[in-house]
Amino acid sequence: MSFKQIKDEAGSLKKDMEEVAITHVRYYKLWMFRFLVRLWTSVFWSVMFVIFFFFAFAFIAVAFAFYLSEYLGSSFMGFLIVGFAFIIIALLLYFIAGKYINRKWLQKLSEIYFQE
């Protein structure tokens, strides 16, 4: 092989390596875009679900408090019972379901992050 052929091969190798690097950068940009879009849509739909669920749950809780108020004959007692029920549910969720919920969130986010 002559020096000119080696020089040409080295030049084409450099060009090929630059193309590979550019292709990798484009691929990872596209992958990051896809990941962020999927994350954003997942967060958006989750927030929308939580908002609508919260409003439905709030209306049901108020309706139940009014029902208890009529049944017990005291508005104060009806709303007090519903308030204490929420406190008990919140404490149960905090102490019992907290570990389970954290584990599920970590598992789901890991699946999304390490998918490819």
PDB file of N, CA and C in Angstrom:
ATOM      1  N   MET A   1       0.832  -1.179   0.000  1.00  0.00           N
ATOM      2  CA  MET A   1       0.000   0.000   0.000  1.00  0.00           C
ATOM      3  C   MET A   1       0.874   1.238   0.000  1.00  0.00           C
ATOM      4  N   SER A   2       0.432   2.153  -0.772  1.00  0.00           N
ATOM      5  CA  SER A   2       1.196   3.389  -0.831  1.00  0.00           C
ATOM      6  C   SER A   2       0.703   4.352   0.256  1.00  0.00           C
ATOM      7  N   PHE A   3       1.535   5.348   0.465  1.00  0.00           N
ATOM      8  CA  PHE A   3       1.215   6.357   1.482  1.00  0.00           C
ATOM      9  C   PHE A   3      -0.089   7.079   1.132  1.00  0.00           C
ATOM     10  N   LYS A   4      -0.339   7.323  -0.152  1.00  0.00           N
ATOM     11  CA  LYS A   4      -1.550   8.019  -0.577  1.00  0.00           C
ATOM     12  C   LYS A   4      -2.788   7.191  -0.286  1.00  0.00           C
ATOM     13  N   GLN A   5      -2.730   5.881  -0.481  1.00  0.00           N
ATOM     14  CA  GLN A   5      -3.868   5.020  -0.189  1.00  0.00           C
ATOM     15  C   GLN A   5      -4.160   4.991   1.325  1.00  0.00           C
ATOM     16  N   ILE A   6      -3.101   4.933   2.102  1.00  0.00           N
ATOM     17  CA  ILE A   6      -3.273   4.933   3.562  1.00  0.00           C
ATOM     18  C   ILE A   6      -3.893   6.258   4.003  1.00  0.00           C
ATOM     19  N   LYS A   7      -3.428   7.349   3.406  1.00  0.00           N
ATOM     20  CA  LYS A   7      -3.964   8.656   3.752  1.00  0.00           C
ATOM     21  C   LYS A   7      -5.436   8.758   3.353  1.00  0.00           C
ATOM     22  N   ASP A   8      -5.796   8.252   2.181  1.00  0.00           N
ATOM     23  CA  ASP A   8      -7.189   8.269   1.734  1.00  0.00           C
ATOM     24  C   ASP A   8      -8.075   7.411   2.649  1.00  0.00           C
ATOM     25  N   GLU A   9      -7.566   6.228   3.023  1.00  0.00           N
ATOM     26  CA  GLU A   9      -8.309   5.341   3.923  1.00  0.00           C
ATOM     27  C   GLU A   9      -8.508   5.999   5.287  1.00  0.00           C
ATOM     28  N   ALA A  10      -7.491   6.664   5.792  1.00  0.00           N
ATOM     29  CA  ALA A  10      -7.599   7.355   7.079  1.00  0.00           C
ATOM     30  C   ALA A  10      -8.608   8.496   6.973  1.00  0.00           C
ATOM     31  N   GLY A  11      -8.606   9.193   5.863  1.00  0.00           N
ATOM     32  CA  GLY A  11      -9.572  10.279   5.661  1.00  0.00           C
ATOM     33  C   GLY A  11     -10.993   9.751   5.597  1.00  0.00           C
ATOM     34  N   SER A  12     -11.195   8.634   4.889  1.00  0.00           N
ATOM     35  CA  SER A  12     -12.539   8.072   4.801  1.00  0.00           C
ATOM     36  C   SER A  12     -12.965   7.478   6.152  1.00  0.00           C
ATOM     37  N   LEU A  13     -11.998   6.924   6.913  1.00  0.00           N
ATOM     38  CA  LEU A  13     -12.304   6.415   8.249  1.00  0.00           C
ATOM     39  C   LEU A  13     -12.769   7.552   9.155  1.00  0.00           C
ATOM     40  N   LYS A  14     -12.084   8.685   9.069  1.00  0.00           N
ATOM     41  CA  LYS A  14     -12.473   9.841   9.868  1.00  0.00           C
ATOM     42  C   LYS A  14     -13.874  10.296   9.490  1.00  0.00           C
ATOM     43  N   LYS A  15     -14.163  10.339   8.200  1.00  0.00           N
ATOM     44  CA  LYS A  15     -15.482  10.750   7.729  1.00  0.00           C
ATOM     45  C   LYS A  15     -16.555   9.769   8.205  1.00  0.00           C
ATOM     46  N   ASP A  16     -16.262   8.471   8.112  1.00  0.00           N
ATOM     47  CA  ASP A  16     -17.210   7.460   8.575  1.00  0.00           C
ATOM     48  C   ASP A  16     -17.463   7.569  10.077  1.00  0.00           C
ATOM     49  N   MET A  17     -16.424   7.819  10.848  1.00  0.00           N
ATOM     50  CA  MET A  17     -16.576   7.951  12.294  1.00  0.00           C
ATOM     51  C   MET A  17     -17.420   9.182  12.638  1.00  0.00           C
ATOM     52  N   GLU A  18     -17.228  10.276  11.903  1.00  0.00           N
ATOM     53  CA  GLU A  18     -18.042  11.473  12.129  1.00  0.00           C
ATOM     54  C   GLU A  18     -19.509  11.186  11.818  1.00  0.00           C
ATOM     55  N   GLU A  19     -19.773  10.446  10.745  1.00  0.00           N
ATOM     56  CA  GLU A  19     -21.146  10.090  10.393  1.00  0.00           C
ATOM     57  C   GLU A  19     -21.774   9.204  11.457  1.00  0.00           C
ATOM     58  N   VAL A  20     -21.005   8.259  11.979  1.00  0.00           N
ATOM     59  CA  VAL A  20     -21.508   7.391  13.051  1.00  0.00           C
ATOM     60  C   VAL A  20     -21.829   8.217  14.289  1.00  0.00           C
ATOM     61  N   ALA A  21     -20.956   9.130  14.645  1.00  0.00           N
ATOM     62  CA  ALA A  21     -21.192   9.980  15.817  1.00  0.00           C
ATOM     63  C   ALA A  21     -22.431  10.841  15.615  1.00  0.00           C
ATOM     64  N   ILE A  22     -22.576  11.431  14.441  1.00  0.00           N
ATOM     65  CA  ILE A  22     -23.749  12.266  14.158  1.00  0.00           C
ATOM     66  C   ILE A  22     -25.020  11.425  14.197  1.00  0.00           C
ATOM     67  N   THR A  23     -24.965  10.228  13.641  1.00  0.00           N
ATOM     68  CA  THR A  23     -26.125   9.338  13.664  1.00  0.00           C
ATOM     69  C   THR A  23     -26.501   8.964  15.093  1.00  0.00           C
ATOM     70  N   HIS A  24     -25.513   8.676  15.939  1.00  0.00           N
ATOM     71  CA  HIS A  24     -25.786   8.351  17.347  1.00  0.00           C
ATOM     72  C   HIS A  24     -26.411   9.537  18.072  1.00  0.00           C
ATOM     73  N   VAL A  25     -25.888  10.716  17.827  1.00  0.00           N
ATOM     74  CA  VAL A  25     -26.447  11.907  18.467  1.00  0.00           C
ATOM     75  C   VAL A  25     -27.886  12.100  18.036  1.00  0.00           C
ATOM     76  N   ARG A  26     -28.181  11.942  16.757  1.00  0.00           N
ATOM     77  CA  ARG A  26     -29.558  12.075  16.264  1.00  0.00           C
ATOM     78  C   ARG A  26     -30.463  11.017  16.887  1.00  0.00           C
ATOM     79  N   TYR A  27     -29.961   9.795  16.976  1.00  0.00           N
ATOM     80  CA  TYR A  27     -30.752   8.716  17.561  1.00  0.00           C
ATOM     81  C   TYR A  27     -31.103   9.026  19.014  1.00  0.00           C
ATOM     82  N   TYR A  28     -30.125   9.452  19.787  1.00  0.00           N
ATOM     83  CA  TYR A  28     -30.393   9.714  21.197  1.00  0.00           C
ATOM     84  C   TYR A  28     -31.251  10.957  21.396  1.00  0.00           C
ATOM     85  N   LYS A  29     -31.165  11.932  20.501  1.00  0.00           N
ATOM     86  CA  LYS A  29     -32.069  13.076  20.560  1.00  0.00           C
ATOM     87  C   LYS A  29     -33.502  12.612  20.297  1.00  0.00           C
ATOM     88  N   LEU A  30     -33.675  11.765  19.293  1.00  0.00           N
ATOM     89  CA  LEU A  30     -35.000  11.237  18.985  1.00  0.00           C
ATOM     90  C   LEU A  30     -35.528  10.384  20.130  1.00  0.00           C
ATOM     91  N   TRP A  31     -34.654   9.561  20.705  1.00  0.00           N
ATOM     92  CA  TRP A  31     -35.058   8.732  21.838  1.00  0.00           C
ATOM     93  C   TRP A  31     -35.474   9.596  23.022  1.00  0.00           C
ATOM     94  N   MET A  32     -34.729  10.658  23.314  1.00  0.00           N
ATOM     95  CA  MET A  32     -35.049  11.558  24.423  1.00  0.00           C
ATOM     96  C   MET A  32     -36.370  12.281  24.151  1.00  0.00           C
ATOM     97  N   PHE A  33     -36.584  12.698  22.905  1.00  0.00           N
ATOM     98  CA  PHE A  33     -37.846  13.337  22.548  1.00  0.00           C
ATOM     99  C   PHE A  33     -39.006  12.385  22.786  1.00  0.00           C
ATOM    100  N   ARG A  34     -38.853  11.151  22.329  1.00  0.00           N
ATOM    101  CA  ARG A  34     -39.901  10.144  22.522  1.00  0.00           C
ATOM    102  C   ARG A  34     -40.158   9.906  23.999  1.00  0.00           C
ATOM    103  N   PHE A  35     -39.101   9.780  24.772  1.00  0.00           N
ATOM    104  CA  PHE A  35     -39.223   9.551  26.210  1.00  0.00           C
ATOM    105  C   PHE A  35     -39.942  10.712  26.884  1.00  0.00           C
ATOM    106  N   LEU A  36     -39.563  11.952  26.550  1.00  0.00           N
ATOM    107  CA  LEU A  36     -40.182  13.119  27.172  1.00  0.00           C
ATOM    108  C   LEU A  36     -41.641  13.271  26.774  1.00  0.00           C
ATOM    109  N   VAL A  37     -41.965  12.963  25.521  1.00  0.00           N
ATOM    110  CA  VAL A  37     -43.360  13.046  25.090  1.00  0.00           C
ATOM    111  C   VAL A  37     -44.195  12.006  25.830  1.00  0.00           C
ATOM    112  N   ARG A  38     -43.684  10.787  25.943  1.00  0.00           N
ATOM    113  CA  ARG A  38     -44.418   9.748  26.670  1.00  0.00           C
ATOM    114  C   ARG A  38     -44.568  10.115  28.137  1.00  0.00           C
ATOM    115  N   LEU A  39     -43.526  10.667  28.727  1.00  0.00           N
ATOM    116  CA  LEU A  39     -43.590  11.080  30.126  1.00  0.00           C
ATOM    117  C   LEU A  39     -44.607  12.204  30.296  1.00  0.00           C
ATOM    118  N   TRP A  40     -44.563  13.198  29.413  1.00  0.00           N
ATOM    119  CA  TRP A  40     -45.480  14.325  29.504  1.00  0.00           C
ATOM    120  C   TRP A  40     -46.928  13.870  29.353  1.00  0.00           C
ATOM    121  N   THR A  41     -47.218  13.019  28.370  1.00  0.00           N
ATOM    122  CA  THR A  41     -48.600  12.572  28.184  1.00  0.00           C
ATOM    123  C   THR A  41     -49.060  11.736  29.372  1.00  0.00           C
ATOM    124  N   SER A  42     -48.169  10.928  29.903  1.00  0.00           N
ATOM    125  CA  SER A  42     -48.519  10.128  31.079  1.00  0.00           C
ATOM    126  C   SER A  42     -48.837  11.025  32.270  1.00  0.00           C
ATOM    127  N   VAL A  43     -48.008  12.019  32.500  1.00  0.00           N
ATOM    128  CA  VAL A  43     -48.243  12.952  33.610  1.00  0.00           C
ATOM    129  C   VAL A  43     -49.524  13.746  33.363  1.00  0.00           C
ATOM    130  N   PHE A  44     -49.732  14.211  32.152  1.00  0.00           N
ATOM    131  CA  PHE A  44     -50.923  14.992  31.832  1.00  0.00           C
ATOM    132  C   PHE A  44     -52.192  14.203  32.107  1.00  0.00           C
ATOM    133  N   TRP A  45     -52.274  12.970  31.584  1.00  0.00           N
ATOM    134  CA  TRP A  45     -53.485  12.174  31.785  1.00  0.00           C
ATOM    135  C   TRP A  45     -53.654  11.773  33.242  1.00  0.00           C
ATOM    136  N   SER A  46     -52.561  11.547  33.940  1.00  0.00           N
ATOM    137  CA  SER A  46     -52.659  11.223  35.363  1.00  0.00           C
ATOM    138  C   SER A  46     -53.197  12.413  36.152  1.00  0.00           C
ATOM    139  N   VAL A  47     -52.712  13.600  35.852  1.00  0.00           N
ATOM    140  CA  VAL A  47     -53.192  14.803  36.545  1.00  0.00           C
ATOM    141  C   VAL A  47     -54.666  15.041  36.224  1.00  0.00           C
ATOM    142  N   MET A  48     -55.047  14.885  34.975  1.00  0.00           N
ATOM    143  CA  MET A  48     -56.452  15.056  34.610  1.00  0.00           C
ATOM    144  C   MET A  48     -57.333  14.064  35.353  1.00  0.00           C
ATOM    145  N   PHE A  49     -56.906  12.813  35.429  1.00  0.00           N
ATOM    146  CA  PHE A  49     -57.668  11.793  36.149  1.00  0.00           C
ATOM    147  C   PHE A  49     -57.798  12.162  37.619  1.00  0.00           C
ATOM    148  N   VAL A  50     -56.711  12.594  38.232  1.00  0.00           N
ATOM    149  CA  VAL A  50     -56.738  12.946  39.652  1.00  0.00           C
ATOM    150  C   VAL A  50     -57.663  14.132  39.892  1.00  0.00           C
ATOM    151  N   ILE A  51     -57.634  15.118  39.017  1.00  0.00           N
ATOM    152  CA  ILE A  51     -58.502  16.280  39.185  1.00  0.00           C
ATOM    153  C   ILE A  51     -59.974  15.879  39.123  1.00  0.00           C
ATOM    154  N   PHE A  52     -60.340  15.120  38.101  1.00  0.00           N
ATOM    155  CA  PHE A  52     -61.740  14.712  37.976  1.00  0.00           C
ATOM    156  C   PHE A  52     -62.156  13.769  39.103  1.00  0.00           C
ATOM    157  N   PHE A  53     -61.263  12.883  39.502  1.00  0.00           N
ATOM    158  CA  PHE A  53     -61.559  11.992  40.617  1.00  0.00           C
ATOM    159  C   PHE A  53     -61.740  12.786  41.902  1.00  0.00           C
ATOM    160  N   PHE A  54     -60.899  13.799  42.115  1.00  0.00           N
ATOM    161  CA  PHE A  54     -61.012  14.631  43.311  1.00  0.00           C
ATOM    162  C   PHE A  54     -62.359  15.340  43.363  1.00  0.00           C
ATOM    163  N   PHE A  55     -62.777  15.944  42.248  1.00  0.00           N
ATOM    164  CA  PHE A  55     -64.063  16.640  42.251  1.00  0.00           C
ATOM    165  C   PHE A  55     -65.220  15.672  42.488  1.00  0.00           C
ATOM    166  N   ALA A  56     -65.189  14.518  41.843  1.00  0.00           N
ATOM    167  CA  ALA A  56     -66.250  13.534  42.057  1.00  0.00           C
ATOM    168  C   ALA A  56     -66.265  13.083  43.512  1.00  0.00           C
ATOM    169  N   PHE A  57     -65.100  12.812  44.054  1.00  0.00           N
ATOM    170  CA  PHE A  57     -65.006  12.359  45.443  1.00  0.00           C
ATOM    171  C   PHE A  57     -65.463  13.451  46.407  1.00  0.00           C
ATOM    172  N   ALA A  58     -65.133  14.696  46.128  1.00  0.00           N
ATOM    173  CA  ALA A  58     -65.546  15.805  46.988  1.00  0.00           C
ATOM    174  C   ALA A  58     -67.063  15.952  46.997  1.00  0.00           C
ATOM    175  N   PHE A  59     -67.683  15.868  45.826  1.00  0.00           N
ATOM    176  CA  PHE A  59     -69.141  15.976  45.769  1.00  0.00           C
ATOM    177  C   PHE A  59     -69.813  14.805  46.487  1.00  0.00           C
ATOM    178  N   ILE A  60     -69.261  13.618  46.329  1.00  0.00           N
ATOM    179  CA  ILE A  60     -69.824  12.460  47.022  1.00  0.00           C
ATOM    180  C   ILE A  60     -69.669  12.614  48.528  1.00  0.00           C
ATOM    181  N   ALA A  61     -68.530  13.118  48.983  1.00  0.00           N
ATOM    182  CA  ALA A  61     -68.306  13.309  50.420  1.00  0.00           C
ATOM    183  C   ALA A  61     -69.265  14.338  50.997  1.00  0.00           C
ATOM    184  N   VAL A  62     -69.478  15.434  50.283  1.00  0.00           N
ATOM    185  CA  VAL A  62     -70.413  16.459  50.759  1.00  0.00           C
ATOM    186  C   VAL A  62     -71.837  15.902  50.781  1.00  0.00           C
ATOM    187  N   ALA A  63     -72.207  15.156  49.752  1.00  0.00           N
ATOM    188  CA  ALA A  63     -73.538  14.551  49.722  1.00  0.00           C
ATOM    189  C   ALA A  63     -73.716  13.580  50.888  1.00  0.00           C
ATOM    190  N   PHE A  64     -72.687  12.785  51.174  1.00  0.00           N
ATOM    191  CA  PHE A  64     -72.767  11.852  52.286  1.00  0.00           C
ATOM    192  C   PHE A  64     -72.852  12.595  53.619  1.00  0.00           C
ATOM    193  N   ALA A  65     -72.126  13.698  53.745  1.00  0.00           N
ATOM    194  CA  ALA A  65     -72.192  14.500  54.973  1.00  0.00           C
ATOM    195  C   ALA A  65     -73.596  15.075  55.155  1.00  0.00           C
ATOM    196  N   PHE A  66     -74.209  15.550  54.077  1.00  0.00           N
ATOM    197  CA  PHE A  66     -75.583  16.048  54.188  1.00  0.00           C
ATOM    198  C   PHE A  66     -76.552  14.925  54.538  1.00  0.00           C
ATOM    199  N   TYR A  67     -76.318  13.755  53.955  1.00  0.00           N
ATOM    200  CA  TYR A  67     -77.168  12.602  54.274  1.00  0.00           C
ATOM    201  C   TYR A  67     -77.061  12.248  55.762  1.00  0.00           C
ATOM    202  N   LEU A  68     -75.838  12.186  56.278  1.00  0.00           N
ATOM    203  CA  LEU A  68     -75.658  11.902  57.705  1.00  0.00           C
ATOM    204  C   LEU A  68     -76.264  13.005  58.569  1.00  0.00           C
ATOM    205  N   SER A  69     -76.159  14.257  58.112  1.00  0.00           N
ATOM    206  CA  SER A  69     -76.751  15.366  58.853  1.00  0.00           C
ATOM    207  C   SER A  69     -78.261  15.205  58.979  1.00  0.00           C
ATOM    208  N   GLU A  70     -78.891  14.802  57.885  1.00  0.00           N
ATOM    209  CA  GLU A  70     -80.349  14.570  57.916  1.00  0.00           C
ATOM    210  C   GLU A  70     -80.684  13.390  58.817  1.00  0.00           C
ATOM    211  N   TYR A  71     -79.891  12.331  58.712  1.00  0.00           N
ATOM    212  CA  TYR A  71     -80.155  11.116  59.492  1.00  0.00           C
ATOM    213  C   TYR A  71     -79.965  11.369  60.987  1.00  0.00           C
ATOM    214  N   LEU A  72     -78.907  12.100  61.347  1.00  0.00           N
ATOM    215  CA  LEU A  72     -78.611  12.356  62.757  1.00  0.00           C
ATOM    216  C   LEU A  72     -79.330  13.582  63.301  1.00  0.00           C
ATOM    217  N   GLY A  73     -79.833  14.420  62.430  1.00  0.00           N
ATOM    218  CA  GLY A  73     -80.529  15.619  62.864  1.00  0.00           C
ATOM    219  C   GLY A  73     -79.596  16.761  63.239  1.00  0.00           C
ATOM    220  N   SER A  74     -78.322  16.649  62.897  1.00  0.00           N
ATOM    221  CA  SER A  74     -77.352  17.682  63.232  1.00  0.00           C
ATOM    222  C   SER A  74     -76.334  17.804  62.102  1.00  0.00           C
ATOM    223  N   SER A  75     -76.273  18.990  61.504  1.00  0.00           N
ATOM    224  CA  SER A  75     -75.307  19.211  60.417  1.00  0.00           C
ATOM    225  C   SER A  75     -73.877  19.066  60.920  1.00  0.00           C
ATOM    226  N   PHE A  76     -73.640  19.565  62.112  1.00  0.00           N
ATOM    227  CA  PHE A  76     -72.300  19.492  62.689  1.00  0.00           C
ATOM    228  C   PHE A  76     -71.827  18.044  62.809  1.00  0.00           C
ATOM    229  N   MET A  77     -72.663  17.172  63.321  1.00  0.00           N
ATOM    230  CA  MET A  77     -72.272  15.767  63.526  1.00  0.00           C
ATOM    231  C   MET A  77     -72.040  15.053  62.185  1.00  0.00           C
ATOM    232  N   GLY A  78     -72.875  15.331  61.196  1.00  0.00           N
ATOM    233  CA  GLY A  78     -72.701  14.693  59.891  1.00  0.00           C
ATOM    234  C   GLY A  78     -71.365  15.044  59.261  1.00  0.00           C
ATOM    235  N   PHE A  79     -71.028  16.331  59.262  1.00  0.00           N
ATOM    236  CA  PHE A  79     -69.754  16.758  58.680  1.00  0.00           C
ATOM    237  C   PHE A  79     -68.571  16.333  59.545  1.00  0.00           C
ATOM    238  N   LEU A  80     -68.760  16.292  60.860  1.00  0.00           N
ATOM    239  CA  LEU A  80     -67.700  15.843  61.760  1.00  0.00           C
ATOM    240  C   LEU A  80     -67.372  14.367  61.523  1.00  0.00           C
ATOM    241  N   ILE A  81     -68.369  13.545  61.358  1.00  0.00           N
ATOM    242  CA  ILE A  81     -68.141  12.116  61.101  1.00  0.00           C
ATOM    243  C   ILE A  81     -67.406  11.927  59.787  1.00  0.00           C
ATOM    244  N   VAL A  82     -67.815  12.639  58.749  1.00  0.00           N
ATOM    245  CA  VAL A  82     -67.141  12.524  57.450  1.00  0.00           C
ATOM    246  C   VAL A  82     -65.698  13.015  57.563  1.00  0.00           C
ATOM    247  N   GLY A  83     -65.475  14.100  58.307  1.00  0.00           N
ATOM    248  CA  GLY A  83     -64.109  14.602  58.498  1.00  0.00           C
ATOM    249  C   GLY A  83     -63.224  13.599  59.216  1.00  0.00           C
ATOM    250  N   PHE A  84     -63.733  12.984  60.275  1.00  0.00           N
ATOM    251  CA  PHE A  84     -62.955  11.968  60.988  1.00  0.00           C
ATOM    252  C   PHE A  84     -62.705  10.745  60.117  1.00  0.00           C
ATOM    253  N   ALA A  85     -63.683  10.396  59.281  1.00  0.00           N
ATOM    254  CA  ALA A  85     -63.480   9.268  58.360  1.00  0.00           C
ATOM    255  C   ALA A  85     -62.320   9.566  57.411  1.00  0.00           C
ATOM    256  N   PHE A  86     -62.245  10.807  56.927  1.00  0.00           N
ATOM    257  CA  PHE A  86     -61.127  11.177  56.055  1.00  0.00           C
ATOM    258  C   PHE A  86     -59.798  11.132  56.791  1.00  0.00           C
ATOM    259  N   ILE A  87     -59.788  11.550  58.035  1.00  0.00           N
ATOM    260  CA  ILE A  87     -58.557  11.497  58.825  1.00  0.00           C
ATOM    261  C   ILE A  87     -58.107  10.051  59.022  1.00  0.00           C
ATOM    262  N   ILE A  88     -59.036   9.157  59.326  1.00  0.00           N
ATOM    263  CA  ILE A  88     -58.691   7.739  59.512  1.00  0.00           C
ATOM    264  C   ILE A  88     -58.175   7.134  58.213  1.00  0.00           C
ATOM    265  N   ILE A  89     -58.844   7.439  57.104  1.00  0.00           N
ATOM    266  CA  ILE A  89     -58.396   6.920  55.801  1.00  0.00           C
ATOM    267  C   ILE A  89     -57.011   7.453  55.469  1.00  0.00           C
ATOM    268  N   ALA A  90     -56.769   8.734  55.717  1.00  0.00           N
ATOM    269  CA  ALA A  90     -55.460   9.327  55.428  1.00  0.00           C
ATOM    270  C   ALA A  90     -54.370   8.671  56.274  1.00  0.00           C
ATOM    271  N   LEU A  91     -54.638   8.433  57.542  1.00  0.00           N
ATOM    272  CA  LEU A  91     -53.643   7.775  58.399  1.00  0.00           C
ATOM    273  C   LEU A  91     -53.375   6.343  57.944  1.00  0.00           C
ATOM    274  N   LEU A  92     -54.417   5.622  57.558  1.00  0.00           N
ATOM    275  CA  LEU A  92     -54.219   4.268  57.044  1.00  0.00           C
ATOM    276  C   LEU A  92     -53.385   4.272  55.772  1.00  0.00           C
ATOM    277  N   LEU A  93     -53.683   5.194  54.885  1.00  0.00           N
ATOM    278  CA  LEU A  93     -52.898   5.296  53.656  1.00  0.00           C
ATOM    279  C   LEU A  93     -51.445   5.632  53.954  1.00  0.00           C
ATOM    280  N   TYR A  94     -51.221   6.520  54.893  1.00  0.00           N
ATOM    281  CA  TYR A  94     -49.861   6.936  55.214  1.00  0.00           C
ATOM    282  C   TYR A  94     -49.047   5.794  55.815  1.00  0.00           C
ATOM    283  N   PHE A  95     -49.628   5.074  56.745  1.00  0.00           N
ATOM    284  CA  PHE A  95     -48.869   4.053  57.454  1.00  0.00           C
ATOM    285  C   PHE A  95     -48.846   2.697  56.753  1.00  0.00           C
ATOM    286  N   ILE A  96     -49.913   2.348  56.067  1.00  0.00           N
ATOM    287  CA  ILE A  96     -49.986   1.006  55.477  1.00  0.00           C
ATOM    288  C   ILE A  96     -49.643   1.006  53.994  1.00  0.00           C
ATOM    289  N   ALA A  97     -50.269   1.881  53.235  1.00  0.00           N
ATOM    290  CA  ALA A  97     -50.127   1.838  51.780  1.00  0.00           C
ATOM    291  C   ALA A  97     -48.941   2.645  51.266  1.00  0.00           C
ATOM    292  N   GLY A  98     -48.278   3.429  52.093  1.00  0.00           N
ATOM    293  CA  GLY A  98     -47.180   4.278  51.639  1.00  0.00           C
ATOM    294  C   GLY A  98     -46.049   3.493  51.011  1.00  0.00           C
ATOM    295  N   LYS A  99     -45.642   2.413  51.653  1.00  0.00           N
ATOM    296  CA  LYS A  99     -44.545   1.603  51.112  1.00  0.00           C
ATOM    297  C   LYS A  99     -44.955   0.946  49.805  1.00  0.00           C
ATOM    298  N   TYR A 100     -46.169   0.450  49.743  1.00  0.00           N
ATOM    299  CA  TYR A 100     -46.654  -0.211  48.536  1.00  0.00           C
ATOM    300  C   TYR A 100     -46.722   0.778  47.370  1.00  0.00           C
ATOM    301  N   ILE A 101     -47.235   1.972  47.632  1.00  0.00           N
ATOM    302  CA  ILE A 101     -47.363   2.981  46.575  1.00  0.00           C
ATOM    303  C   ILE A 101     -45.989   3.421  46.083  1.00  0.00           C
ATOM    304  N   ASN A 102     -45.045   3.645  46.999  1.00  0.00           N
ATOM    305  CA  ASN A 102     -43.687   4.030  46.597  1.00  0.00           C
ATOM    306  C   ASN A 102     -43.041   2.947  45.746  1.00  0.00           C
ATOM    307  N   ARG A 103     -43.227   1.698  46.127  1.00  0.00           N
ATOM    308  CA  ARG A 103     -42.650   0.584  45.363  1.00  0.00           C
ATOM    309  C   ARG A 103     -43.238   0.529  43.959  1.00  0.00           C
ATOM    310  N   LYS A 104     -44.557   0.708  43.829  1.00  0.00           N
ATOM    311  CA  LYS A 104     -45.201   0.670  42.515  1.00  0.00           C
ATOM    312  C   LYS A 104     -44.744   1.847  41.639  1.00  0.00           C
ATOM    313  N   TRP A 105     -44.623   3.041  42.226  1.00  0.00           N
ATOM    314  CA  TRP A 105     -44.150   4.194  41.466  1.00  0.00           C
ATOM    315  C   TRP A 105     -42.734   3.966  40.968  1.00  0.00           C
ATOM    316  N   LEU A 106     -41.876   3.461  41.855  1.00  0.00           N
ATOM    317  CA  LEU A 106     -40.497   3.210  41.461  1.00  0.00           C
ATOM    318  C   LEU A 106     -40.432   2.164  40.356  1.00  0.00           C
ATOM    319  N   GLN A 107     -41.243   1.128  40.467  1.00  0.00           N
ATOM    320  CA  GLN A 107     -41.261   0.076  39.446  1.00  0.00           C
ATOM    321  C   GLN A 107     -41.739   0.631  38.103  1.00  0.00           C
ATOM    322  N   LYS A 108     -42.814   1.399  38.108  1.00  0.00           N
ATOM    323  CA  LYS A 108     -43.369   1.931  36.864  1.00  0.00           C
ATOM    324  C   LYS A 108     -42.412   2.918  36.201  1.00  0.00           C
ATOM    325  N   LEU A 109     -41.846   3.827  36.986  1.00  0.00           N
ATOM    326  CA  LEU A 109     -40.907   4.798  36.422  1.00  0.00           C
ATOM    327  C   LEU A 109     -39.631   4.120  35.933  1.00  0.00           C
ATOM    328  N   SER A 110     -39.204   3.060  36.613  1.00  0.00           N
ATOM    329  CA  SER A 110     -38.035   2.321  36.140  1.00  0.00           C
ATOM    330  C   SER A 110     -38.310   1.647  34.812  1.00  0.00           C
ATOM    331  N   GLU A 111     -39.515   1.104  34.643  1.00  0.00           N
ATOM    332  CA  GLU A 111     -39.882   0.483  33.369  1.00  0.00           C
ATOM    333  C   GLU A 111     -39.841   1.519  32.239  1.00  0.00           C
ATOM    334  N   ILE A 112     -40.348   2.707  32.502  1.00  0.00           N
ATOM    335  CA  ILE A 112     -40.344   3.754  31.482  1.00  0.00           C
ATOM    336  C   ILE A 112     -38.925   4.189  31.176  1.00  0.00           C
ATOM    337  N   TYR A 113     -38.128   4.411  32.219  1.00  0.00           N
ATOM    338  CA  TYR A 113     -36.780   4.943  32.030  1.00  0.00           C
ATOM    339  C   TYR A 113     -35.858   3.936  31.354  1.00  0.00           C
ATOM    340  N   PHE A 114     -35.930   2.668  31.776  1.00  0.00           N
ATOM    341  CA  PHE A 114     -35.006   1.667  31.259  1.00  0.00           C
ATOM    342  C   PHE A 114     -35.604   0.817  30.152  1.00  0.00           C
ATOM    343  N   GLN A 115     -36.630   1.317  29.489  1.00  0.00           N
ATOM    344  CA  GLN A 115     -37.313   0.539  28.455  1.00  0.00           C
ATOM    345  C   GLN A 115     -36.385   0.132  27.323  1.00  0.00           C
ATOM    346  N   GLU A 116     -35.565   1.056  26.874  1.00  0.00           N
ATOM    347  CA  GLU A 116     -34.681   0.723  25.748  1.00  0.00           C
ATOM    348  C   GLU A 116     -33.242   0.897  26.124  1.00  0.00           C
TER     349      GLU A 116
END
